Every structure is written in structure tokens, then in C-alpha cells.
Amino acid sequence: MERVFWFGTLVASKNPEGAKERFKIMNPNKIPCTVKFTVKPRSQSKSEGFAFEVSPDTLKIEPHKHKYVTISFNPTAMMQYGAIFEAIVEHGDPLSKTGKLVFELRGEGTLPTLLVGKPEEVDNEGNPVLKFKKTMVGRE
């Protein structure tokens, strides 16, 4: 079974916002816990970029409560991006199902595109006809 969160395809830009997703982290136990979060590159390959951040990097969660962690994806080039997200309970058993959560993050950067469709209407000579709305001269 693949454990992947897909951010989708985003326009590559220097926009600091990018895409953000919140993940709910729960403490089902009777004692408080501290959870550390990391996001690291999936591979060292230059063909796959790294454009992910996690915030905050540590959360203290009270018994039977939950908090949210935010993962940001901000592509800066037209390429595939990948990372590994890890949530590890401090002083917990990393081999148990509740002591560690690991899954992949993926996304794709793209450039803005424009698709121009061929007009269906033609004139008497078979040339495409483009119809524009009336615009007052000197107006935008």
C-alpha cells in the first residue's frame, strides 16, 4: 500500500504561500506527549526537487486532545517534487503503530499555460471568425 499525499500540480513561482495542507495529529493516550515533525528529501536525485516545509516542528499534545501541523508546498521550477514526512513521539516506541507516522509527499511544478481553441464559426471563404465584445476607445 502506497502512503502518499499528493499536493497536485502548481504553477512554479516565487510566491511564498504555495499550497498548504493541515494534518490533524491526535493523542489517544492518558498522558501528554511531545511529537517532533520533519520533512526531508525523498532522494538525492537532481531530477526530483524539494519544496516542502513543516510548521511547527514540535507539538505538545495533551491527553485525548489533538493539534494540527501544516505542510507547505512551494515549487520554484517545472519538475517533480518529493519528500518524506515523519512524525515521531518523543520517548515513544518507534516500532509501534502509534509511535511513528511516515508517509511520502509529492507534487509537481509547472508553468502557466494557455490553450486557444479554434473558432467554430467561419466566414464565406472558410476563414475562422473571432467575435469580440464592443470596447470604447481609450478604455481598458
Protein backbone atom coordinates (compact mmCIF):
# COMPACT_ATOMS: atom_id res chain seq x y z
CA MET A 1 0.00 0.00 0.00
CA GLU A 2 1.38 3.40 -1.01
CA ARG A 3 1.31 6.07 1.69
CA VAL A 4 1.48 9.27 -0.35
CA PHE A 5 -0.06 12.71 0.00
CA TRP A 6 -0.26 14.36 -3.44
CA PHE A 7 -0.28 18.18 -3.49
CA GLY A 8 -1.12 18.17 -7.18
CA THR A 9 0.29 20.38 -9.92
CA LEU A 10 1.02 24.00 -9.04
CA VAL A 11 2.39 26.89 -11.06
CA ALA A 12 6.06 27.26 -10.18
CA SER A 13 6.66 30.69 -8.69
CA LYS A 14 8.45 32.63 -6.04
CA ASN A 15 5.12 33.10 -4.22
CA PRO A 16 5.86 32.40 -0.53
CA GLU A 17 2.36 31.00 0.02
CA GLY A 18 2.40 27.98 -2.32
CA ALA A 19 -0.10 25.31 -1.22
CA LYS A 20 -0.66 24.48 2.45
CA GLU A 21 -2.35 21.47 3.99
CA ARG A 22 -3.15 20.88 7.64
CA PHE A 23 -2.88 17.43 9.21
CA LYS A 24 -4.65 16.53 12.45
CA ILE A 25 -2.35 14.82 14.98
CA MET A 26 -4.16 13.07 17.85
CA ASN A 27 -3.04 11.83 21.26
CA PRO A 28 -5.38 8.94 22.18
CA ASN A 29 -3.50 8.17 25.42
CA LYS A 30 -3.92 9.20 29.07
CA ILE A 31 -0.58 11.03 29.26
CA PRO A 32 0.67 14.10 27.38
CA CYS A 33 3.12 13.56 24.55
CA THR A 34 5.56 15.58 22.50
CA VAL A 35 5.70 14.92 18.77
CA LYS A 36 8.58 16.02 16.54
CA PHE A 37 7.96 16.59 12.81
CA THR A 38 10.45 16.50 9.96
CA VAL A 39 10.25 16.75 6.19
CA LYS A 40 13.30 15.51 4.33
CA PRO A 41 14.17 14.87 0.68
CA ARG A 42 12.95 11.54 -0.71
CA SER A 43 16.11 11.10 -2.77
CA GLN A 44 19.32 12.93 -3.63
CA SER A 45 18.46 12.88 -7.34
CA LYS A 46 18.70 16.21 -9.16
CA SER A 47 15.69 15.21 -11.26
CA GLU A 48 13.46 15.46 -8.16
CA GLY A 49 13.22 18.73 -6.27
CA PHE A 50 12.49 19.53 -2.63
CA ALA A 51 9.94 22.27 -1.92
CA PHE A 52 8.24 21.26 1.35
CA GLU A 53 8.21 22.76 4.85
CA VAL A 54 6.55 21.66 8.08
CA SER A 55 5.32 24.00 10.81
CA PRO A 56 5.63 23.74 13.74
CA ASP A 57 8.46 21.23 14.08
CA THR A 58 7.34 20.16 17.60
CA LEU A 59 3.94 19.91 19.30
CA LYS A 60 3.00 19.04 22.87
CA ILE A 61 -0.40 17.34 22.83
CA GLU A 62 -2.44 16.88 25.99
CA PRO A 63 -4.19 13.55 26.75
CA HIS A 64 -7.15 12.76 24.46
CA LYS A 65 -6.62 16.02 22.52
CA HIS A 66 -5.44 16.91 19.03
CA LYS A 67 -3.45 19.65 17.30
CA TYR A 68 -2.65 20.50 13.70
CA VAL A 69 0.61 20.56 11.79
CA THR A 70 0.89 22.44 8.47
CA ILE A 71 2.89 21.25 5.48
CA SER A 72 3.66 23.78 2.74
CA PHE A 73 4.48 23.01 -0.89
CA ASN A 74 6.05 25.83 -2.90
CA PRO A 75 7.53 24.70 -6.24
CA THR A 76 10.05 27.02 -7.87
CA ALA A 77 10.72 25.13 -11.11
CA MET A 78 8.97 22.92 -13.64
CA MET A 79 9.75 19.48 -12.19
CA GLN A 80 8.60 16.66 -9.91
CA TYR A 81 8.99 17.16 -6.15
CA GLY A 82 9.13 14.56 -3.40
CA ALA A 83 9.78 14.30 0.33
CA ILE A 84 9.31 12.09 3.36
CA PHE A 85 7.16 13.35 6.27
CA GLU A 86 7.90 11.89 9.71
CA ALA A 87 6.06 12.43 12.99
CA ILE A 88 7.87 10.77 15.91
CA VAL A 89 6.63 10.64 19.51
CA GLU A 90 9.43 11.63 21.90
CA HIS A 91 10.35 8.73 24.22
CA GLY A 92 7.84 6.55 22.36
CA ASP A 93 8.33 3.19 20.68
CA PRO A 94 9.25 3.94 17.04
CA LEU A 95 8.37 0.35 16.08
CA SER A 96 4.75 0.61 17.26
CA LYS A 97 1.92 1.93 15.09
CA THR A 98 1.34 4.86 17.45
CA GLY A 99 4.98 5.89 18.00
CA LYS A 100 5.84 6.94 14.45
CA LEU A 101 4.00 8.14 11.35
CA VAL A 102 5.79 8.18 7.99
CA PHE A 103 4.45 8.95 4.51
CA GLU A 104 5.58 10.48 1.24
CA LEU A 105 4.79 13.95 -0.01
CA ARG A 106 4.67 14.60 -3.74
CA GLY A 107 3.86 17.46 -6.02
CA GLU A 108 4.64 18.90 -9.41
CA GLY A 109 5.70 22.36 -10.53
CA THR A 110 4.51 23.62 -13.90
CA LEU A 111 4.49 26.81 -15.93
CA PRO A 112 1.32 28.76 -16.67
CA THR A 113 -0.29 27.61 -19.91
CA LEU A 114 -2.91 28.97 -22.25
CA LEU A 115 -5.00 26.92 -24.62
CA VAL A 116 -6.53 28.65 -27.63
CA GLY A 117 -9.33 26.75 -29.27
CA LYS A 118 -10.07 27.10 -32.96
CA PRO A 119 -13.25 29.12 -33.53
CA GLU A 120 -16.11 27.05 -34.88
CA GLU A 121 -17.67 29.92 -36.83
CA VAL A 122 -16.25 30.65 -40.30
CA ASP A 123 -16.91 33.33 -42.92
CA ASN A 124 -17.96 32.73 -46.57
CA GLU A 125 -14.34 31.97 -47.55
CA GLY A 126 -13.83 29.42 -44.74
CA ASN A 127 -11.68 31.67 -42.54
CA PRO A 128 -12.21 31.49 -38.77
CA VAL A 129 -14.26 34.36 -37.35
CA LEU A 130 -13.37 35.86 -33.98
CA LYS A 131 -16.12 37.86 -32.28
CA PHE A 132 -15.05 40.35 -29.63
CA LYS A 133 -17.28 42.48 -27.40
CA LYS A 134 -17.54 46.17 -28.23
CA THR A 135 -14.94 48.26 -26.40
CA MET A 136 -14.96 52.03 -26.09
CA VAL A 137 -11.81 53.63 -27.45
CA GLY A 138 -9.48 54.73 -24.67
CA ARG A 139 -10.90 52.20 -22.21
CA GLU A 140 -9.25 49.07 -20.88
